[in-house]
C-alpha cells in the first residue's frame, strides 16, 4: 500500500487563502483600472492595466513578506487619488496619451517617498492619528468614488442628463450590491465580491437577451480585454519625461505615499489583531516601527 499523498495543513491553508484573495482581487483590480485609466485608454485597456498592475504588486509584496494576514492590492483611497490626479494632470497640460507615463511616475515616486518615511521611523506616527480622522478620510473617499461611478450606475454618458437614465444598469448594480452584501450569510466561504460579480453579470445578460437586444451600448460594458501582445510599459521617450509637469506629480506622489502608508498601517493593525500575530506594522510599505497593542 502506498500512503496517500497529503499536503501540509499550512500549505493547504495558504493555497485556500491565495485562491480567495485572487478571487476578491479580480473585481477590485478591474474596477481600479477602469476608474483610473478608462477615460484615457478605454474601458478594456484600463481593465487589463488594473489586472496586470495587481499581479505585479502581489508578486512583489508577497516575495518581500510582511504581516500575517495582510495582502496587498488596489484600494479605494488610492483609486480615488489617482483618478483625481489624472484629471489634474490633464488640466496642467498633459495629453491623454501621456497620462499613463505620468501616473507611472507618480507611483514610482510614491514608493520612494514611502521608503524615506520608513527610514525616518514614520510608523510610530500611527499612534497619534485619532479614529475620527480615519473615519473622515474613509467617508470622503467613499463620496469621491460615488461621484465617479454615478454615470455608469445610471447608464448615461458624459453629455447626457441624469433624467435620461436607464433602468437596466441600475437594476444590475443594485442586484450585485445586494448579493455581495447579504449572500455571505448563506455561503460564508464564498467571497461577496465574487458572488456579486457573477450574480450581477448573469442578471444583466439574461435581461439583455430577454428583451431582444443582442449588443449593449458601448458605455454599458467593459468589452473584450486586448491581447497581451498589445501591452507595453508606459515608459515613453526621454523627451516625453522632460515635458511632464513634475510639481503636480511630486505633490500627488507624496499624497499617495502618505495615504498608502496610513492605510497599510491600519490594515496591519487589523491583521495582527485578527490573527493574534506580532505587533509589526506597515510591512507592505516597509514601515518597521514596533508598536505595543493590547490584544485581548
Protein backbone atom coordinates (compact mmCIF):
# COMPACT_ATOMS: atom_id res chain seq x y z
CA UNK A 1 0.00 0.00 0.00
CA UNK A 2 1.35 3.38 -0.97
CA UNK A 3 0.37 6.01 1.59
CA UNK A 4 -1.84 8.76 0.25
CA UNK A 5 -0.05 11.99 -0.53
CA UNK A 6 -1.13 14.68 1.91
CA UNK A 7 -0.17 18.28 1.70
CA UNK A 8 0.87 20.07 4.90
CA UNK A 9 -2.01 21.82 6.62
CA UNK A 10 -0.23 25.17 6.41
CA UNK A 11 0.23 24.77 2.64
CA UNK A 12 -3.43 23.90 2.17
CA UNK A 13 -4.43 26.97 4.17
CA UNK A 14 -2.08 29.15 2.14
CA UNK A 15 -3.47 27.80 -1.12
CA UNK A 16 -7.04 28.37 0.03
CA UNK A 17 -6.20 31.87 1.22
CA UNK A 18 -4.42 32.68 -2.03
CA UNK A 19 -7.38 31.50 -4.09
CA UNK A 20 -9.83 33.57 -2.05
CA UNK A 21 -7.56 36.62 -2.24
CA UNK A 22 -7.21 36.24 -6.00
CA UNK A 23 -10.97 35.89 -6.35
CA UNK A 24 -11.55 39.05 -4.33
CA UNK A 25 -8.78 40.93 -6.17
CA UNK A 26 -10.22 40.25 -9.64
CA UNK A 27 -13.19 42.64 -9.48
CA UNK A 28 -11.25 45.18 -7.39
CA UNK A 29 -8.33 45.35 -9.82
CA UNK A 30 -10.71 45.57 -12.77
CA UNK A 31 -12.66 48.40 -11.16
CA UNK A 32 -9.41 50.17 -10.26
CA UNK A 33 -8.11 50.05 -13.82
CA UNK A 34 -11.40 51.09 -15.39
CA UNK A 35 -11.91 54.01 -12.99
CA UNK A 36 -8.39 55.40 -13.35
CA UNK A 37 -7.49 54.63 -16.96
CA UNK A 38 -10.77 54.26 -18.89
CA UNK A 39 -11.16 58.00 -19.66
CA UNK A 40 -7.76 57.98 -21.37
CA UNK A 41 -7.16 54.42 -22.60
CA UNK A 42 -10.66 52.96 -22.88
CA UNK A 43 -12.50 50.56 -20.58
CA UNK A 44 -10.95 47.30 -21.79
CA UNK A 45 -7.30 48.50 -21.82
CA UNK A 46 -7.93 50.11 -18.45
CA UNK A 47 -9.22 46.83 -17.01
CA UNK A 48 -6.18 44.97 -18.35
CA UNK A 49 -3.87 47.61 -16.86
CA UNK A 50 -5.52 47.17 -13.46
CA UNK A 51 -5.21 43.39 -13.59
CA UNK A 52 -1.55 43.40 -14.65
CA UNK A 53 -0.72 46.02 -12.03
CA UNK A 54 -2.39 43.96 -9.29
CA UNK A 55 -0.49 40.82 -10.36
CA UNK A 56 2.87 42.60 -10.25
CA UNK A 57 2.01 44.18 -6.90
CA UNK A 58 1.06 40.84 -5.36
CA UNK A 59 4.20 39.12 -6.64
CA UNK A 60 6.49 41.85 -5.29
CA UNK A 61 4.86 42.25 -1.88
CA UNK A 62 4.41 38.50 -1.46
CA UNK A 63 8.11 37.94 -2.08
CA UNK A 64 9.04 40.72 0.34
CA UNK A 65 6.92 39.29 3.15
CA UNK A 66 5.07 41.17 5.84
CA UNK A 67 2.40 40.97 8.49
CA UNK A 68 0.47 37.69 8.67
CA UNK A 69 -2.92 38.01 7.03
CA UNK A 70 -2.04 41.21 5.14
CA UNK A 71 -2.40 41.02 1.35
CA UNK A 72 -1.62 43.97 -0.88
CA UNK A 73 -3.99 45.11 -3.57
CA UNK A 74 -5.78 48.08 -5.13
CA UNK A 75 -7.68 50.16 -2.57
CA UNK A 76 -10.45 52.71 -2.79
CA UNK A 77 -8.41 55.64 -1.41
CA UNK A 78 -5.56 55.14 -3.86
CA UNK A 79 -8.01 54.69 -6.72
CA UNK A 80 -9.77 57.95 -5.88
CA UNK A 81 -6.47 59.80 -5.52
CA UNK A 82 -5.04 58.55 -8.83
CA UNK A 83 -8.30 59.23 -10.66
CA UNK A 84 -8.28 62.79 -9.34
CA UNK A 85 -4.59 63.14 -10.16
CA UNK A 86 -5.20 62.19 -13.77
CA UNK A 87 -7.75 65.00 -14.06
CA UNK A 88 -5.30 67.47 -12.50
CA UNK A 89 -2.58 66.40 -14.92
CA UNK A 90 -4.87 66.94 -17.90
CA UNK A 91 -5.64 70.46 -16.67
CA UNK A 92 -1.88 71.00 -16.28
CA UNK A 93 -1.41 70.24 -19.99
CA UNK A 94 -0.67 66.51 -20.07
CA UNK A 95 -2.15 64.84 -23.14
CA UNK A 96 -4.29 61.72 -22.73
CA UNK A 97 -1.54 59.63 -24.33
CA UNK A 98 0.92 60.86 -21.68
CA UNK A 99 -1.35 60.18 -18.70
CA UNK A 100 -0.12 56.61 -18.24
CA UNK A 101 3.62 57.54 -18.09
CA UNK A 102 2.73 60.38 -15.71
CA UNK A 103 0.81 58.05 -13.37
CA UNK A 104 3.70 55.58 -13.61
CA UNK A 105 5.99 58.35 -12.36
CA UNK A 106 3.55 59.12 -9.53
CA UNK A 107 3.52 55.52 -8.29
CA UNK A 108 7.32 55.08 -8.52
CA UNK A 109 7.94 58.33 -6.65
CA UNK A 110 5.32 57.36 -4.07
CA UNK A 111 7.28 54.17 -3.41
CA UNK A 112 10.47 56.17 -2.91
CA UNK A 113 8.66 58.55 -0.54
CA UNK A 114 7.36 55.56 1.43
CA UNK A 115 10.92 54.26 1.75
CA UNK A 116 12.00 57.63 3.12
CA UNK A 117 9.08 57.60 5.56
CA UNK A 118 10.15 54.15 6.72
CA UNK A 119 13.77 55.18 7.22
CA UNK A 120 12.58 58.17 9.25
CA UNK A 121 10.53 55.91 11.54
CA UNK A 122 7.19 57.12 10.26
CA UNK A 123 5.45 54.00 11.54
CA UNK A 124 5.47 55.45 15.05
CA UNK A 125 3.14 58.24 13.94
CA UNK A 126 0.17 55.87 13.75
CA UNK A 127 -0.45 56.25 17.49
CA UNK A 128 -1.07 59.99 17.03
CA UNK A 129 -3.83 59.57 14.44
CA UNK A 130 -7.33 59.53 16.04
CA UNK A 131 -10.11 57.37 14.64
CA UNK A 132 -12.29 60.37 13.58
CA UNK A 133 -9.54 61.35 11.12
CA UNK A 134 -9.60 57.88 9.60
CA UNK A 135 -13.39 57.90 9.53
CA UNK A 136 -13.39 61.25 7.75
CA UNK A 137 -10.83 60.03 5.25
CA UNK A 138 -12.81 56.86 4.54
CA UNK A 139 -16.08 58.81 4.21
CA UNK A 140 -14.53 61.33 1.84
CA UNK A 141 -13.07 58.55 -0.27
CA UNK A 142 -16.45 56.87 -0.48
CA UNK A 143 -18.12 60.08 -1.62
CA UNK A 144 -15.46 60.59 -4.30
CA UNK A 145 -15.98 57.02 -5.54
CA UNK A 146 -19.76 57.50 -5.64
CA UNK A 147 -19.29 60.68 -7.66
CA UNK A 148 -17.03 58.88 -10.13
CA UNK A 149 -19.46 55.99 -10.62
CA UNK A 150 -22.88 57.60 -10.82
CA UNK A 151 -22.81 57.84 -14.63
CA UNK A 152 -22.05 54.11 -15.17
CA UNK A 153 -24.62 53.35 -12.48
CA UNK A 154 -27.32 55.27 -14.37
CA UNK A 155 -26.15 54.07 -17.79
CA UNK A 156 -25.53 57.54 -19.18
CA UNK A 157 -22.55 59.13 -20.89
CA UNK A 158 -20.83 62.39 -20.04
CA UNK A 159 -23.04 64.51 -22.28
CA UNK A 160 -26.37 63.01 -21.14
CA UNK A 161 -28.58 64.38 -18.40
CA UNK A 162 -29.48 62.38 -15.31
CA UNK A 163 -33.11 62.31 -16.48
CA UNK A 164 -32.00 60.05 -19.36
CA UNK A 165 -31.04 57.22 -17.01
CA UNK A 166 -31.75 53.58 -17.89
CA UNK A 167 -33.28 51.05 -15.55
CA UNK A 168 -31.14 48.02 -16.51
CA UNK A 169 -27.75 49.34 -15.25
CA UNK A 170 -29.43 50.50 -12.03
CA UNK A 171 -31.09 47.10 -11.50
CA UNK A 172 -27.81 45.31 -12.23
CA UNK A 173 -25.86 47.46 -9.77
CA UNK A 174 -28.47 47.04 -7.03
CA UNK A 175 -28.55 43.27 -7.56
CA UNK A 176 -24.76 42.97 -7.47
CA UNK A 177 -24.60 45.01 -4.26
CA UNK A 178 -27.38 43.06 -2.58
CA UNK A 179 -25.84 39.70 -3.44
CA UNK A 180 -22.35 40.79 -2.36
CA UNK A 181 -23.70 42.19 0.90
CA UNK A 182 -26.13 39.51 2.05
CA UNK A 183 -25.34 36.21 0.29
CA UNK A 184 -22.32 35.69 2.55
CA UNK A 185 -24.70 34.88 5.37
CA UNK A 186 -25.72 31.74 3.47
CA UNK A 187 -22.36 30.96 1.83
CA UNK A 188 -19.66 32.31 4.16
CA UNK A 189 -16.87 30.56 2.24
CA UNK A 190 -17.72 32.38 -0.99
CA UNK A 191 -16.31 35.94 -1.21
CA UNK A 192 -19.07 38.50 -1.51
CA UNK A 193 -17.37 40.36 -4.35
CA UNK A 194 -17.27 37.21 -6.47
CA UNK A 195 -20.91 36.28 -5.85
CA UNK A 196 -21.97 39.86 -6.58
CA UNK A 197 -19.89 39.95 -9.76
CA UNK A 198 -21.33 36.68 -11.06
CA UNK A 199 -24.90 37.43 -10.00
CA UNK A 200 -24.93 40.92 -11.48
CA UNK A 201 -23.38 39.75 -14.76
CA UNK A 202 -25.86 36.88 -15.12
CA UNK A 203 -28.84 39.16 -14.46
CA UNK A 204 -27.57 41.73 -16.96
CA UNK A 205 -27.10 39.17 -19.75
CA UNK A 206 -30.41 37.41 -19.09
CA UNK A 207 -32.45 40.62 -19.17
CA UNK A 208 -30.49 41.98 -22.12
CA UNK A 209 -31.10 38.91 -24.28
CA UNK A 210 -34.64 38.52 -22.94
CA UNK A 211 -35.55 41.94 -24.29
CA UNK A 212 -34.18 41.05 -27.72
CA UNK A 213 -31.10 43.28 -27.51
CA UNK A 214 -28.02 41.36 -28.61
CA UNK A 215 -25.46 44.15 -28.22
CA UNK A 216 -25.41 46.52 -25.27
CA UNK A 217 -24.39 50.17 -25.69
CA UNK A 218 -20.60 50.54 -25.59
CA UNK A 219 -20.63 52.58 -22.36
CA UNK A 220 -22.52 49.80 -20.56
CA UNK A 221 -19.85 47.13 -20.90
CA UNK A 222 -16.09 46.90 -20.45
CA UNK A 223 -15.59 44.88 -23.61
CA UNK A 224 -13.05 42.22 -24.51
CA UNK A 225 -9.62 42.60 -23.00
CA UNK A 226 -6.90 43.38 -25.55
CA UNK A 227 -4.29 40.66 -26.15
CA UNK A 228 -1.11 40.78 -24.12
CA UNK A 229 0.83 41.35 -27.33
CA UNK A 230 -0.57 44.90 -27.35
CA UNK A 231 0.51 45.51 -23.76
CA UNK A 232 3.61 47.68 -23.33
CA UNK A 233 5.32 49.50 -20.49
CA UNK A 234 4.30 53.13 -20.08
CA UNK A 235 7.84 54.46 -20.11
CA UNK A 236 7.62 56.65 -23.18
CA UNK A 237 10.62 58.53 -24.52
CA UNK A 238 13.11 60.70 -22.70
CA UNK A 239 11.69 63.80 -24.40
CA UNK A 240 8.25 62.93 -23.05
CA UNK A 241 9.52 62.74 -19.48
CA UNK A 242 11.01 66.23 -19.82
CA UNK A 243 7.63 67.69 -20.78
CA UNK A 244 5.73 66.29 -17.78
CA UNK A 245 4.59 68.76 -15.08
CA UNK A 246 6.76 67.45 -12.26
CA UNK A 247 5.47 69.68 -9.47
CA UNK A 248 1.89 68.26 -9.57
CA UNK A 249 3.41 64.79 -9.99
CA UNK A 250 5.57 65.22 -6.87
CA UNK A 251 2.60 66.51 -4.88
CA UNK A 252 0.44 63.58 -5.95
CA UNK A 253 3.24 61.10 -5.22
CA UNK A 254 3.74 62.43 -1.70
CA UNK A 255 -0.01 62.36 -1.02
CA UNK A 256 -0.22 58.79 -2.34
CA UNK A 257 2.75 57.73 -0.19
CA UNK A 258 1.20 59.14 2.99
CA UNK A 259 -2.25 57.76 2.16
CA UNK A 260 -0.94 54.29 1.31
CA UNK A 261 1.27 54.22 4.39
CA UNK A 262 -1.61 55.09 6.72
CA UNK A 263 -3.90 52.60 5.01
CA UNK A 264 -1.26 49.87 5.29
CA UNK A 265 -0.57 50.61 8.94
CA UNK A 266 -4.25 50.39 9.83
CA UNK A 267 -4.66 47.21 7.80
CA UNK A 268 -1.64 45.73 9.59
CA UNK A 269 -3.16 46.55 12.97
CA UNK A 270 -6.38 44.80 11.93
CA UNK A 271 -4.47 41.80 10.55
CA UNK A 272 -2.36 41.45 13.71
CA UNK A 273 -5.43 41.77 15.92
CA UNK A 274 -7.33 39.16 13.91
CA UNK A 275 -4.52 36.63 13.66
CA UNK A 276 -3.00 37.29 17.07
CA UNK A 277 0.34 37.99 15.41
CA UNK A 278 3.21 40.16 16.48
CA UNK A 279 2.78 43.92 16.54
CA UNK A 280 4.81 44.66 13.42
CA UNK A 281 3.09 47.34 11.42
CA UNK A 282 3.41 48.54 7.88
CA UNK A 283 5.25 45.60 6.37
CA UNK A 284 3.84 46.30 2.95
CA UNK A 285 5.34 49.80 2.84
CA UNK A 286 8.49 48.94 4.83
CA UNK A 287 7.48 50.76 8.00
CA UNK A 288 9.24 48.71 10.64
CA UNK A 289 8.38 50.63 13.80
CA UNK A 290 7.10 48.25 16.54
CA UNK A 291 4.08 49.45 18.46
CA UNK A 292 2.61 47.83 21.57
CA UNK A 293 -1.01 46.88 21.07
CA UNK A 294 -3.32 45.49 23.77
CA UNK A 295 -4.62 42.20 22.37
CA UNK A 296 -7.48 40.90 24.46
